[in-house]
């Protein structure tokens, strides 16, 4: 642009920002030295980004870009508003450059840590995610350019990929180790299942189930793997209870059968004793012509009455025992039915829970999307969920507890 230097000395003046050193270079060509070649070189080539070597006879000023004004004291310009706009624009550009350099240095530190990481580092992931959000914040406020944002986020994405690769390796190793351990548990459970038909093995099976359940609490399985094993344990435990119930029920019924037989024999014996007593009384009354009183007859045949009374007492006790055993059967059948209903309810609740979980589970994104700045935080969060160690959900397992007289 045209302006004046010194005292009314017309000159062609150029302004150029040296971003690296935060300097503004001003060159002035006195009007008498301005040729057509100089004007074409400045207005056509240099102004549009072309190279131009300023001649030695051009007057040169070097101004700090952070100064309040970039015009030297002895200089005036025809278009001051253009100079002020350029100064404001360059100030923002320099600030953007500083912020970008700061962010670049921070990302570089993260890159250095990621380059030597031997295993997945959640802390490093969180720092990279925070850096991502920080970059997005500066870009939304237009404090760094879209180009600078893209470069920085590409580097952050590379860090995410490195951490995900490390996590995948850990998961593969864990899956291999878990597969061996899961196979061990499954094989042992199959062995316990085959031993259920032997009642002398029930105590051993019960103790092994309790032992396995305790071990699973600290086992390095995912929650769904643990759930599978817990379900297998509960199946065997329920079968064990059924076997035990069947055996107890059979023993009680056999005992009732034996007691009923004994009771029948006692009742027959009591009937015979009563008949014998009546026969003896009738004979005695015949011989004595009815002179003996009832008390005298009882005293005379007291041994028969005492024997009958003892048998009646035994019969009463047996009846009470049979009633008690039948009550126990009814109680056990009721408890067994309630347990089966609870098991069905629990299985139904688990099924509904899994169905709801499937419906609510969001689609996971494979990587952070850098094409849409507005969605960057959400995309990053999705990536975190994809590779982070899954939190174990509470298992609705049925605690195996030893009941009174169980497996004795």
Protein backbone atom coordinates (compact mmCIF):
# COMPACT_ATOMS: atom_id res chain seq x y z
CA UNK A 1 0.00 0.00 0.00
CA UNK A 2 0.99 3.62 -0.35
CA UNK A 3 1.92 5.84 2.55
CA UNK A 4 4.39 8.42 3.78
CA UNK A 5 7.73 8.12 5.53
CA UNK A 6 9.49 10.99 7.14
CA UNK A 7 8.15 14.38 6.16
CA UNK A 8 5.68 14.11 3.28
CA UNK A 9 7.84 11.57 1.48
CA UNK A 10 5.54 9.30 -0.55
CA UNK A 11 6.51 5.62 -0.53
CA UNK A 12 5.24 2.14 -1.41
CA UNK A 13 5.11 0.15 1.85
CA UNK A 14 4.91 -3.63 2.44
CA UNK A 15 4.16 -5.55 5.64
CA UNK A 16 5.21 -9.19 6.16
CA UNK A 17 4.81 -11.47 9.23
CA UNK A 18 7.72 -13.73 10.19
CA UNK A 19 5.66 -16.19 12.24
CA UNK A 20 8.55 -18.26 13.55
CA UNK A 21 10.21 -15.35 15.36
CA UNK A 22 7.05 -13.27 15.88
CA UNK A 23 8.48 -10.38 13.87
CA UNK A 24 6.92 -8.05 11.34
CA UNK A 25 9.15 -6.85 8.51
CA UNK A 26 8.28 -3.54 6.89
CA UNK A 27 9.86 -2.47 3.62
CA UNK A 28 9.41 0.98 2.10
CA UNK A 29 10.23 2.04 -1.46
CA UNK A 30 10.43 5.84 -1.98
CA UNK A 31 8.15 6.82 -4.82
CA UNK A 32 11.03 7.94 -7.01
CA UNK A 33 12.54 4.43 -6.77
CA UNK A 34 9.33 2.52 -7.57
CA UNK A 35 9.41 1.07 -11.08
CA UNK A 36 6.82 -0.91 -12.98
CA UNK A 37 8.87 -4.05 -12.44
CA UNK A 38 8.84 -3.51 -8.65
CA UNK A 39 5.08 -2.90 -8.61
CA UNK A 40 4.37 -6.02 -10.70
CA UNK A 41 6.66 -8.13 -8.54
CA UNK A 42 5.01 -6.92 -5.30
CA UNK A 43 1.34 -6.72 -6.32
CA UNK A 44 1.22 -9.75 -8.63
CA UNK A 45 3.76 -12.24 -7.34
CA UNK A 46 4.81 -11.49 -3.73
CA UNK A 47 1.32 -10.51 -2.54
CA UNK A 48 -0.01 -13.89 -3.79
CA UNK A 49 2.67 -15.92 -2.05
CA UNK A 50 5.45 -15.79 -4.59
CA UNK A 51 9.14 -15.33 -3.71
CA UNK A 52 10.68 -11.87 -3.85
CA UNK A 53 14.08 -10.63 -2.72
CA UNK A 54 13.85 -7.10 -1.45
CA UNK A 55 16.61 -4.85 -2.82
CA UNK A 56 19.22 -3.38 -0.49
CA UNK A 57 18.12 0.16 -1.16
CA UNK A 58 14.64 -0.56 0.29
CA UNK A 59 14.14 0.95 3.76
CA UNK A 60 13.63 -1.87 6.31
CA UNK A 61 12.06 -1.95 9.79
CA UNK A 62 11.78 -5.01 12.06
CA UNK A 63 8.91 -4.72 14.56
CA UNK A 64 7.93 -7.00 17.44
CA UNK A 65 4.62 -8.58 16.37
CA UNK A 66 3.33 -8.33 19.95
CA UNK A 67 3.73 -4.53 20.06
CA UNK A 68 0.69 -2.35 20.55
CA UNK A 69 1.25 -0.79 17.13
CA UNK A 70 3.32 -2.07 14.24
CA UNK A 71 3.70 1.31 12.50
CA UNK A 72 7.01 3.13 13.03
CA UNK A 73 6.72 6.67 14.45
CA UNK A 74 7.68 8.39 11.21
CA UNK A 75 5.29 6.41 9.03
CA UNK A 76 1.73 7.00 7.84
CA UNK A 77 -0.36 4.79 5.59
CA UNK A 78 -3.29 5.55 3.33
CA UNK A 79 -5.30 2.56 4.59
CA UNK A 80 -4.81 2.38 8.36
CA UNK A 81 -7.83 0.09 8.79
CA UNK A 82 -6.15 -2.55 6.63
CA UNK A 83 -3.00 -2.39 8.78
CA UNK A 84 -5.03 -2.71 11.97
CA UNK A 85 -6.97 -5.68 10.57
CA UNK A 86 -3.72 -7.36 9.56
CA UNK A 87 -2.22 -6.71 12.98
CA UNK A 88 -5.29 -8.29 14.67
CA UNK A 89 -5.26 -11.24 12.29
CA UNK A 90 -1.52 -11.82 12.82
CA UNK A 91 -1.99 -11.59 16.60
CA UNK A 92 -4.57 -14.39 16.45
CA UNK A 93 -2.34 -16.38 14.14
CA UNK A 94 0.62 -16.09 16.50
CA UNK A 95 -1.54 -17.07 19.48
CA UNK A 96 -2.85 -20.05 17.49
CA UNK A 97 0.72 -21.00 16.65
CA UNK A 98 1.72 -20.88 20.33
CA UNK A 99 -1.28 -22.98 21.38
CA UNK A 100 -0.62 -25.44 18.59
CA UNK A 101 3.02 -25.73 19.64
CA UNK A 102 2.00 -26.31 23.25
CA UNK A 103 -0.50 -28.99 22.23
CA UNK A 104 2.05 -30.57 19.90
CA UNK A 105 4.60 -30.80 22.71
CA UNK A 106 2.00 -32.40 24.99
CA UNK A 107 1.00 -34.91 22.33
CA UNK A 108 4.65 -35.69 21.71
CA UNK A 109 5.08 -36.68 25.37
CA UNK A 110 2.12 -39.01 25.04
CA UNK A 111 3.57 -40.46 21.83
CA UNK A 112 6.87 -41.15 23.58
CA UNK A 113 5.08 -43.01 26.38
CA UNK A 114 2.96 -44.96 23.91
CA UNK A 115 6.02 -45.97 21.88
CA UNK A 116 7.50 -47.87 24.82
CA UNK A 117 4.31 -49.23 26.36
CA UNK A 118 4.51 -52.99 26.90
CA UNK A 119 0.93 -53.48 28.03
CA UNK A 120 -2.35 -51.61 28.07
CA UNK A 121 -2.14 -48.48 30.25
CA UNK A 122 -5.52 -47.09 31.31
CA UNK A 123 -3.88 -43.95 32.72
CA UNK A 124 -2.24 -43.22 29.37
CA UNK A 125 -5.56 -43.84 27.61
CA UNK A 126 -7.30 -41.38 29.92
CA UNK A 127 -4.60 -38.77 29.31
CA UNK A 128 -4.90 -39.21 25.54
CA UNK A 129 -8.68 -38.90 25.78
CA UNK A 130 -8.33 -35.72 27.87
CA UNK A 131 -5.87 -34.34 25.31
CA UNK A 132 -8.34 -35.13 22.54
CA UNK A 133 -11.06 -33.18 24.33
CA UNK A 134 -8.66 -30.32 24.99
CA UNK A 135 -7.79 -30.08 21.29
CA UNK A 136 -11.49 -30.16 20.40
CA UNK A 137 -12.17 -27.33 22.83
CA UNK A 138 -9.52 -25.08 21.25
CA UNK A 139 -10.78 -25.89 17.77
CA UNK A 140 -14.40 -25.09 18.67
CA UNK A 141 -13.27 -21.69 19.96
CA UNK A 142 -11.33 -21.16 16.69
CA UNK A 143 -8.09 -20.80 18.60
CA UNK A 144 -6.43 -23.39 16.39
CA UNK A 145 -7.18 -24.13 12.76
CA UNK A 146 -8.94 -27.18 11.35
CA UNK A 147 -5.70 -28.27 9.69
CA UNK A 148 -3.80 -28.08 13.00
CA UNK A 149 -6.62 -29.98 14.70
CA UNK A 150 -6.53 -32.77 12.13
CA UNK A 151 -2.77 -33.24 12.48
CA UNK A 152 -2.97 -33.39 16.28
CA UNK A 153 -5.92 -35.76 16.33
CA UNK A 154 -4.28 -38.09 13.85
CA UNK A 155 -1.44 -38.41 16.34
CA UNK A 156 -3.90 -39.04 19.20
CA UNK A 157 -5.61 -41.70 17.11
CA UNK A 158 -2.25 -43.41 16.59
CA UNK A 159 -1.84 -43.53 20.39
CA UNK A 160 -5.33 -45.02 20.76
CA UNK A 161 -4.51 -47.67 18.17
CA UNK A 162 -1.24 -48.57 19.92
CA UNK A 163 -3.04 -49.00 23.24
CA UNK A 164 -5.83 -51.02 21.66
CA UNK A 165 -3.25 -53.29 20.04
CA UNK A 166 -1.58 -53.81 23.43
CA UNK A 167 -4.98 -54.55 24.97
CA UNK A 168 -5.82 -57.05 22.26
CA UNK A 169 -2.59 -58.92 22.93
CA UNK A 170 -3.35 -59.03 26.67
CA UNK A 171 -6.89 -60.21 25.97
CA UNK A 172 -5.66 -62.93 23.63
CA UNK A 173 -3.20 -64.17 26.25
CA UNK A 174 -5.85 -64.01 28.97
CA UNK A 175 -8.35 -65.80 26.74
CA UNK A 176 -5.87 -68.61 26.10
CA UNK A 177 -5.15 -69.00 29.81
CA UNK A 178 -8.83 -68.75 30.67
CA UNK A 179 -9.73 -71.34 28.05
CA UNK A 180 -7.43 -73.85 29.77
CA UNK A 181 -8.87 -73.04 33.20
CA UNK A 182 -12.45 -73.14 31.91
CA UNK A 183 -11.79 -76.54 30.38
CA UNK A 184 -10.44 -77.74 33.73
CA UNK A 185 -13.58 -76.57 35.55
CA UNK A 186 -15.91 -78.05 32.93
CA UNK A 187 -14.13 -81.41 33.00
CA UNK A 188 -14.27 -81.54 36.79
CA UNK A 189 -17.98 -80.66 36.77
CA UNK A 190 -18.65 -83.44 34.26
CA UNK A 191 -16.86 -85.88 36.56
CA UNK A 192 -18.96 -84.74 39.52
CA UNK A 193 -22.12 -85.14 37.44
CA UNK A 194 -21.29 -88.78 36.68
CA UNK A 195 -20.75 -89.52 40.40
CA UNK A 196 -24.21 -88.37 41.44
CA UNK A 197 -25.60 -91.91 41.18
CA UNK A 198 -23.29 -93.05 44.02
CA UNK A 199 -24.58 -91.90 47.38
CA UNK A 200 -21.21 -92.43 49.04
CA UNK A 201 -19.88 -89.64 46.75
CA UNK A 202 -22.50 -87.04 47.68
CA UNK A 203 -20.51 -85.53 50.54
CA UNK A 204 -17.43 -85.24 48.30
CA UNK A 205 -19.49 -83.67 45.47
CA UNK A 206 -21.04 -81.16 47.86
CA UNK A 207 -17.64 -80.10 49.24
CA UNK A 208 -16.19 -79.79 45.74
CA UNK A 209 -19.06 -77.56 44.62
CA UNK A 210 -18.51 -75.26 47.58
CA UNK A 211 -14.78 -75.19 46.90
CA UNK A 212 -15.28 -74.33 43.22
CA UNK A 213 -17.76 -71.58 44.03
CA UNK A 214 -15.28 -69.97 46.44
CA UNK A 215 -12.48 -70.17 43.85
CA UNK A 216 -14.62 -68.56 41.15
CA UNK A 217 -14.98 -65.35 43.15
CA UNK A 218 -11.29 -64.54 42.54
CA UNK A 219 -10.90 -66.32 39.20
CA UNK A 220 -9.75 -64.09 36.27
CA UNK A 221 -12.86 -64.78 34.20
CA UNK A 222 -15.27 -62.33 32.67
CA UNK A 223 -18.66 -62.13 34.33
CA UNK A 224 -20.42 -64.09 31.57
CA UNK A 225 -17.84 -66.90 31.83
CA UNK A 226 -18.33 -67.02 35.59
CA UNK A 227 -22.08 -67.06 35.11
CA UNK A 228 -21.81 -70.13 32.87
CA UNK A 229 -19.80 -72.06 35.47
CA UNK A 230 -22.04 -70.92 38.32
CA UNK A 231 -25.03 -72.19 36.36
CA UNK A 232 -23.33 -75.58 35.89
CA UNK A 233 -22.58 -75.73 39.61
CA UNK A 234 -26.19 -74.92 40.45
CA UNK A 235 -27.46 -77.60 38.05
CA UNK A 236 -25.36 -80.27 39.74
CA UNK A 237 -26.32 -78.96 43.17
CA UNK A 238 -30.01 -79.11 42.28
CA UNK A 239 -29.56 -82.65 40.94
CA UNK A 240 -27.76 -83.55 44.17
CA UNK A 241 -30.68 -82.25 46.19
CA UNK A 242 -33.10 -84.28 44.06
CA UNK A 243 -31.06 -87.45 44.53
CA UNK A 244 -30.88 -86.78 48.23
CA UNK A 245 -34.60 -86.01 48.41
CA UNK A 246 -35.43 -89.22 46.57
CA UNK A 247 -33.24 -91.24 48.93
CA UNK A 248 -34.67 -89.59 52.05
CA UNK A 249 -38.20 -90.02 50.74
CA UNK A 250 -37.54 -93.70 49.99
CA UNK A 251 -36.08 -94.33 53.44
CA UNK A 252 -38.98 -92.58 55.18
CA UNK A 253 -41.55 -94.48 53.13
CA UNK A 254 -39.77 -97.76 53.86
CA UNK A 255 -39.74 -96.94 57.55
CA UNK A 256 -43.44 -96.08 57.47
CA UNK A 257 -44.07 -99.40 55.74
CA UNK A 258 -42.15 -101.31 58.42
CA UNK A 259 -43.81 -99.38 61.27
CA UNK A 260 -47.24 -99.98 59.73
CA UNK A 261 -46.49 -103.70 59.60
CA UNK A 262 -45.34 -103.67 63.23
CA UNK A 263 -48.42 -101.66 64.22
CA UNK A 264 -50.68 -104.15 62.49
CA UNK A 265 -49.02 -107.02 64.36
CA UNK A 266 -49.34 -105.16 67.66
CA UNK A 267 -53.00 -104.42 67.05
CA UNK A 268 -53.60 -108.09 66.24
CA UNK A 269 -51.75 -109.10 69.41
CA UNK A 270 -53.73 -106.57 71.47
CA UNK A 271 -56.96 -107.99 70.05
CA UNK A 272 -55.88 -111.52 70.94
CA UNK A 273 -54.92 -110.44 74.47
CA UNK A 274 -58.29 -108.75 74.93
CA UNK A 275 -60.04 -111.87 73.67
CA UNK A 276 -57.97 -114.06 75.99
CA UNK A 277 -58.80 -111.83 78.95
CA UNK A 278 -62.50 -112.03 78.21
CA UNK A 279 -62.32 -115.82 77.90
CA UNK A 280 -60.46 -116.12 81.19
CA UNK A 281 -62.97 -113.84 82.94
CA UNK A 282 -65.90 -115.87 81.60
CA UNK A 283 -64.33 -119.15 82.73
CA UNK A 284 -63.58 -117.80 86.20
CA UNK A 285 -67.07 -116.39 86.56
CA UNK A 286 -68.46 -119.78 85.54
CA UNK A 287 -66.38 -121.67 88.10
CA UNK A 288 -67.10 -119.22 90.91
CA UNK A 289 -70.71 -118.73 89.92
CA UNK A 290 -70.06 -114.98 89.45
CA UNK A 291 -68.88 -114.38 92.99
CA UNK A 292 -65.67 -112.48 91.98
CA UNK A 293 -65.81 -108.72 91.56
CA UNK A 294 -64.33 -106.83 88.65
CA UNK A 295 -61.36 -105.71 90.76
CA UNK A 296 -60.69 -109.28 91.87
CA UNK A 297 -60.79 -110.43 88.28
CA UNK A 298 -58.35 -107.68 87.26
CA UNK A 299 -55.98 -108.65 90.05
CA UNK A 300 -56.18 -112.29 89.08
CA UNK A 301 -55.51 -111.64 85.38
CA UNK A 302 -53.42 -108.49 85.81
CA UNK A 303 -50.51 -109.91 83.82
CA UNK A 304 -52.69 -110.03 80.70
CA UNK A 305 -53.91 -106.47 81.23
CA UNK A 306 -50.39 -105.16 81.86
CA UNK A 307 -49.10 -106.88 78.73
CA UNK A 308 -51.99 -105.41 76.74
CA UNK A 309 -51.39 -101.94 78.12
CA UNK A 310 -47.69 -102.08 77.17
CA UNK A 311 -48.62 -103.09 73.65
CA UNK A 312 -51.19 -100.29 73.41
CA UNK A 313 -48.55 -97.77 74.56
CA UNK A 314 -46.18 -99.05 71.89
CA UNK A 315 -48.93 -98.87 69.28
CA UNK A 316 -49.71 -95.26 70.23
CA UNK A 317 -46.01 -94.35 69.92
CA UNK A 318 -45.79 -96.03 66.51
CA UNK A 319 -48.86 -94.13 65.29
CA UNK A 320 -47.31 -90.85 66.40
CA UNK A 321 -44.05 -91.73 64.63
CA UNK A 322 -45.89 -92.59 61.42
CA UNK A 323 -47.81 -89.30 61.58
CA UNK A 324 -44.56 -87.41 62.16
CA UNK A 325 -42.85 -89.15 59.22
CA UNK A 326 -45.77 -88.39 56.93
CA UNK A 327 -45.60 -84.76 58.05
CA UNK A 328 -41.89 -84.70 57.21
CA UNK A 329 -42.61 -86.07 53.74
CA UNK A 330 -45.24 -83.40 53.12
CA UNK A 331 -42.88 -80.70 54.40
CA UNK A 332 -39.97 -81.91 52.25
CA UNK A 333 -42.18 -82.17 49.16
CA UNK A 334 -43.43 -78.63 49.74
CA UNK A 335 -39.87 -77.31 50.14
CA UNK A 336 -38.74 -79.15 47.03
CA UNK A 337 -41.61 -77.66 45.05
CA UNK A 338 -40.81 -74.16 46.36
CA UNK A 339 -37.12 -74.59 45.40
CA UNK A 340 -38.09 -75.64 41.90
CA UNK A 341 -40.42 -72.65 41.58
CA UNK A 342 -37.70 -70.30 42.83
CA UNK A 343 -35.23 -71.81 40.36
CA UNK A 344 -37.67 -71.33 37.49
CA UNK A 345 -38.32 -67.75 38.59
CA UNK A 346 -34.60 -67.03 38.84
CA UNK A 347 -33.95 -68.48 35.39
CA UNK A 348 -36.81 -66.44 33.94
CA UNK A 349 -35.48 -63.25 35.55
CA UNK A 350 -31.98 -63.93 34.20
CA UNK A 351 -33.40 -64.53 30.72
CA UNK A 352 -35.36 -61.26 30.82
CA UNK A 353 -32.31 -59.44 32.16
CA UNK A 354 -30.15 -60.70 29.31
CA UNK A 355 -32.80 -59.78 26.75
CA UNK A 356 -33.02 -56.23 28.11
CA UNK A 357 -29.24 -55.99 28.14
CA UNK A 358 -29.11 -57.03 24.49
CA UNK A 359 -31.73 -54.44 23.57
CA UNK A 360 -29.91 -51.61 25.39
CA UNK A 361 -26.39 -52.50 24.30
CA UNK A 362 -25.22 -49.69 21.97
CA UNK A 363 -23.31 -50.36 18.78
CA UNK A 364 -19.62 -49.96 19.49
CA UNK A 365 -17.39 -47.88 17.23
CA UNK A 366 -14.08 -49.33 16.11
CA UNK A 367 -12.09 -46.10 16.18
CA UNK A 368 -12.33 -42.39 16.93
CA UNK A 369 -14.05 -40.38 14.22
CA UNK A 370 -12.01 -37.33 13.29
CA UNK A 371 -14.23 -36.20 10.43
CA UNK A 372 -16.91 -34.69 12.63
CA UNK A 373 -15.53 -32.41 15.32
CA UNK A 374 -18.88 -32.20 17.12
CA UNK A 375 -18.91 -35.98 17.72
CA UNK A 376 -15.32 -36.34 18.83
CA UNK A 377 -15.92 -36.73 22.60
CA UNK A 378 -18.63 -39.35 22.04
CA UNK A 379 -16.49 -41.27 19.59
CA UNK A 380 -13.59 -41.27 22.00
CA UNK A 381 -15.81 -42.55 24.80
CA UNK A 382 -17.00 -45.38 22.60
CA UNK A 383 -13.44 -46.37 21.88
CA UNK A 384 -12.68 -46.40 25.60
CA UNK A 385 -15.63 -48.69 26.25
CA UNK A 386 -14.49 -50.99 23.49
CA UNK A 387 -11.08 -51.79 24.91
CA UNK A 388 -11.37 -51.11 28.61
CA UNK A 389 -11.43 -53.99 31.05
CA UNK A 390 -15.11 -54.95 31.45
CA UNK A 391 -16.55 -54.44 34.86
CA UNK A 392 -17.95 -57.61 36.33
CA UNK A 393 -21.65 -57.47 36.81
CA UNK A 394 -23.09 -58.95 40.08
CA UNK A 395 -23.92 -62.61 39.56
CA UNK A 396 -27.30 -63.78 40.69
CA UNK A 397 -25.83 -67.05 41.86
CA UNK A 398 -27.49 -69.23 44.47
CA UNK A 399 -25.21 -69.62 47.44
CA UNK A 400 -24.57 -73.25 48.27
CA UNK A 401 -25.25 -73.66 51.99
CA UNK A 402 -25.19 -76.83 54.04
CA UNK A 403 -28.52 -77.54 55.68
CA UNK A 404 -29.17 -79.37 58.92
CA UNK A 405 -28.35 -83.08 58.61
CA UNK A 406 -27.67 -82.62 54.89
CA UNK A 407 -25.42 -85.34 53.44
CA UNK A 408 -24.75 -86.85 56.86
